[in-house]
Amino acid sequence: MEINILFVISAYLLGSIPTGLLLAKAFCGVDIRSTGSGNIGATNVYRTIGPRIGILTLFGDCLKGALPVVIAKSLALPVYWIALIGLAAFLGHVYTVFLGFKGGKGVATALGVFLAASPLAVLVALVVFSLVLYRWRYVSLASITASALMPSLVALIDGEPAIVLMTLVIAAVVILKHRENIKRLKNGTENKFKA
């Protein structure tokens, strides 16, 4: 029990590492919180710093979600502990202890968690994400749509109640963190994605 709790705490701390902030400072000397949308996630880094650092941020944020779940599964931990570890990694990114519990919107870290927990569901969600992004050119809309779809996909494909519950919580937080984007989408003022 104690070692599993330690895994949960470690997953949170790993998730808390502000990848975008560290990469932007290291490579460009820029505090990403003071440029663009002010978000530390991959989309803002991509838009304000450039594709190379943006993609590195995406990879890093995804990895810190996937790695704890992969380790937990490899150790054959009970599924409810795997779900808690995945949720902890995600919440670490969104509410990072290193930045006063203010972090990113969690999409890339959620992607990492979901890839490790239910890869087939992610594959379907990525198709939906890509289609929405291609049609409307809004990363936020694509992220919200894919997040909203994930709990149903996981329930249908994986069916494990603890993983479904984890996915529901993560999806709800991702959508909540996009509330300003939702307002801008309604007002027609949201920024479109430019490759």
Protein backbone atom coordinates (compact mmCIF):
# COMPACT_ATOMS: atom_id res chain seq x y z
CA MET A 1 0.00 0.00 0.00
CA GLU A 2 2.70 2.49 1.03
CA ILE A 3 4.72 1.87 -2.14
CA ASN A 4 1.63 2.44 -4.28
CA ILE A 5 0.98 5.76 -2.56
CA LEU A 6 4.61 6.67 -3.28
CA PHE A 7 4.01 5.84 -6.96
CA VAL A 8 0.99 8.18 -7.00
CA ILE A 9 3.01 11.02 -5.46
CA SER A 10 5.90 10.38 -7.86
CA ALA A 11 3.50 10.43 -10.83
CA TYR A 12 2.12 13.78 -9.66
CA LEU A 13 5.62 15.24 -9.31
CA LEU A 14 6.65 13.96 -12.74
CA GLY A 15 3.48 15.41 -14.25
CA SER A 16 4.24 18.71 -12.49
CA ILE A 17 7.46 19.29 -14.44
CA PRO A 18 6.60 22.32 -16.64
CA THR A 19 8.06 21.01 -19.90
CA GLY A 20 7.06 23.96 -22.09
CA LEU A 21 8.35 26.54 -19.62
CA LEU A 22 11.70 24.77 -19.22
CA LEU A 23 12.21 24.21 -22.96
CA ALA A 24 11.25 27.77 -23.91
CA LYS A 25 13.67 29.18 -21.32
CA ALA A 26 16.47 26.76 -22.17
CA PHE A 27 16.37 27.18 -25.94
CA CYS A 28 15.02 30.72 -26.40
CA GLY A 29 15.36 32.49 -23.05
CA VAL A 30 11.61 33.14 -23.06
CA ASP A 31 9.16 32.82 -20.19
CA ILE A 32 6.28 31.20 -22.05
CA ARG A 33 3.86 32.43 -19.37
CA SER A 34 4.39 36.00 -20.55
CA THR A 35 3.88 35.41 -24.27
CA GLY A 36 0.96 34.36 -26.45
CA SER A 37 -1.88 32.92 -24.39
CA GLY A 38 0.40 32.57 -21.37
CA ASN A 39 -0.23 28.83 -21.26
CA ILE A 40 2.71 26.48 -20.69
CA GLY A 41 1.35 23.82 -23.07
CA ALA A 42 2.49 22.71 -26.50
CA THR A 43 0.02 24.80 -28.54
CA ASN A 44 1.19 28.10 -27.06
CA VAL A 45 4.84 27.06 -27.32
CA TYR A 46 4.29 26.05 -30.97
CA ARG A 47 2.62 29.36 -31.82
CA THR A 48 5.02 31.67 -30.00
CA ILE A 49 8.39 29.86 -30.00
CA GLY A 50 8.10 27.68 -33.10
CA PRO A 51 7.34 24.15 -34.30
CA ARG A 52 10.55 22.51 -33.06
CA ILE A 53 10.14 23.49 -29.41
CA GLY A 54 6.38 23.07 -29.67
CA ILE A 55 6.73 19.46 -30.80
CA LEU A 56 9.34 18.79 -28.11
CA THR A 57 6.91 20.17 -25.54
CA LEU A 58 4.14 17.96 -26.89
CA PHE A 59 6.41 14.91 -26.66
CA GLY A 60 7.61 15.77 -23.15
CA ASP A 61 4.12 16.46 -21.81
CA CYS A 62 2.83 13.25 -23.39
CA LEU A 63 5.74 11.22 -21.99
CA LYS A 64 5.19 12.38 -18.42
CA GLY A 65 1.62 11.11 -18.65
CA ALA A 66 2.46 7.79 -20.29
CA LEU A 67 5.55 6.78 -18.32
CA PRO A 68 3.95 6.40 -14.85
CA VAL A 69 1.08 4.35 -16.29
CA VAL A 70 3.46 2.12 -18.29
CA ILE A 71 5.55 1.51 -15.16
CA ALA A 72 2.45 0.79 -13.05
CA LYS A 73 1.16 -1.69 -15.64
CA SER A 74 4.56 -3.37 -15.95
CA LEU A 75 4.54 -3.89 -12.16
CA ALA A 76 1.07 -5.46 -12.46
CA LEU A 77 -0.45 -3.04 -9.96
CA PRO A 78 -4.20 -3.33 -9.40
CA VAL A 79 -6.14 -1.40 -12.01
CA TYR A 80 -7.50 1.16 -9.55
CA TRP A 81 -3.92 2.08 -8.60
CA ILE A 82 -3.03 2.39 -12.28
CA ALA A 83 -6.00 4.75 -12.70
CA LEU A 84 -4.93 6.82 -9.67
CA ILE A 85 -1.36 7.02 -10.96
CA GLY A 86 -2.56 8.17 -14.39
CA LEU A 87 -4.85 10.76 -12.84
CA ALA A 88 -2.04 12.00 -10.57
CA ALA A 89 0.31 12.51 -13.53
CA PHE A 90 -2.38 14.45 -15.38
CA LEU A 91 -3.28 16.61 -12.36
CA GLY A 92 0.42 17.32 -11.85
CA HIS A 93 0.54 19.02 -15.23
CA VAL A 94 -2.70 20.95 -14.77
CA TYR A 95 -2.01 21.94 -11.15
CA THR A 96 1.78 21.87 -10.94
CA VAL A 97 3.30 22.29 -7.50
CA PHE A 98 6.29 24.02 -9.11
CA LEU A 99 4.22 26.95 -10.43
CA GLY A 100 1.87 27.61 -7.53
CA PHE A 101 -0.59 24.95 -8.73
CA LYS A 102 -1.12 26.74 -12.05
CA GLY A 103 -0.29 24.67 -15.10
CA GLY A 104 -1.41 23.77 -18.59
CA LYS A 105 -4.72 22.53 -19.93
CA GLY A 106 -3.57 18.93 -19.82
CA VAL A 107 -4.32 17.73 -23.35
CA ALA A 108 -0.87 16.30 -24.16
CA THR A 109 -0.42 14.77 -20.71
CA ALA A 110 -3.91 13.26 -20.94
CA LEU A 111 -2.92 11.86 -24.33
CA GLY A 112 0.06 10.15 -22.73
CA VAL A 113 -2.06 8.67 -19.94
CA PHE A 114 -4.67 7.44 -22.41
CA LEU A 115 -2.06 6.00 -24.78
CA ALA A 116 -0.69 3.87 -21.98
CA ALA A 117 -4.10 2.96 -20.54
CA SER A 118 -6.29 2.44 -23.62
CA PRO A 119 -4.36 2.87 -26.90
CA LEU A 120 -7.15 1.75 -29.23
CA ALA A 121 -9.52 4.35 -27.78
CA VAL A 122 -6.82 6.97 -28.37
CA LEU A 123 -6.50 5.92 -31.99
CA VAL A 124 -10.21 6.59 -32.60
CA ALA A 125 -10.06 9.88 -30.66
CA LEU A 126 -7.02 11.02 -32.68
CA VAL A 127 -8.93 10.43 -35.91
CA VAL A 128 -11.76 12.61 -34.56
CA PHE A 129 -9.27 15.23 -33.35
CA SER A 130 -7.61 15.35 -36.78
CA LEU A 131 -10.90 15.63 -38.65
CA VAL A 132 -12.17 18.45 -36.44
CA LEU A 133 -8.84 20.29 -36.67
CA TYR A 134 -8.74 19.86 -40.46
CA ARG A 135 -12.33 21.07 -40.89
CA TRP A 136 -12.41 24.02 -38.47
CA ARG A 137 -8.70 24.72 -37.72
CA TYR A 138 -9.24 25.15 -33.98
CA VAL A 139 -6.93 23.12 -31.73
CA SER A 140 -9.17 23.91 -28.76
CA LEU A 141 -12.31 22.62 -30.48
CA ALA A 142 -10.50 19.45 -31.59
CA SER A 143 -9.17 18.92 -28.05
CA ILE A 144 -12.57 19.47 -26.43
CA THR A 145 -14.30 17.15 -28.91
CA ALA A 146 -11.77 14.34 -28.51
CA SER A 147 -11.78 14.71 -24.71
CA ALA A 148 -15.57 14.57 -24.55
CA LEU A 149 -15.53 11.41 -26.68
CA MET A 150 -12.81 9.58 -24.72
CA PRO A 151 -14.90 8.27 -21.76
CA SER A 152 -17.37 6.60 -24.11
CA LEU A 153 -14.57 5.14 -26.21
CA VAL A 154 -12.76 3.78 -23.17
CA ALA A 155 -16.01 2.33 -21.81
CA LEU A 156 -16.73 0.59 -25.11
CA ILE A 157 -13.21 -0.60 -25.88
CA ASP A 158 -11.62 -1.14 -22.47
CA GLY A 159 -14.63 -1.40 -20.14
CA GLU A 160 -12.55 -1.31 -16.95
CA PRO A 161 -14.59 0.83 -14.48
CA ALA A 162 -11.56 2.41 -12.77
CA ILE A 163 -10.05 3.44 -16.11
CA VAL A 164 -13.41 4.76 -17.32
CA LEU A 165 -13.77 6.83 -14.15
CA MET A 166 -10.22 8.17 -14.53
CA THR A 167 -11.03 9.11 -18.13
CA LEU A 168 -14.25 10.87 -17.09
CA VAL A 169 -12.40 12.99 -14.52
CA ILE A 170 -9.58 13.85 -16.92
CA ALA A 171 -12.02 14.74 -19.73
CA ALA A 172 -14.05 16.96 -17.38
CA VAL A 173 -10.93 18.83 -16.21
CA VAL A 174 -9.65 19.29 -19.79
CA ILE A 175 -12.99 20.76 -20.87
CA LEU A 176 -13.15 22.95 -17.75
CA LYS A 177 -9.64 24.26 -18.46
CA HIS A 178 -10.85 25.23 -21.96
CA ARG A 179 -13.71 27.41 -20.71
CA GLU A 180 -12.10 30.63 -22.01
CA ASN A 181 -11.54 28.95 -25.38
CA ILE A 182 -15.20 27.94 -25.43
CA LYS A 183 -16.20 31.57 -24.87
CA ARG A 184 -13.92 32.68 -27.71
CA LEU A 185 -15.28 29.95 -29.99
CA LYS A 186 -18.79 31.20 -29.32
CA ASN A 187 -17.71 34.80 -29.99
CA GLY A 188 -15.74 33.89 -33.11
CA THR A 189 -12.49 35.27 -31.65
CA GLU A 190 -10.57 32.01 -31.10
CA ASN A 191 -7.21 31.74 -32.88
CA LYS A 192 -7.09 29.25 -35.74
CA PHE A 193 -4.22 26.81 -36.06
CA LYS A 194 -1.61 27.62 -38.72
CA ALA A 195 0.78 24.82 -39.65
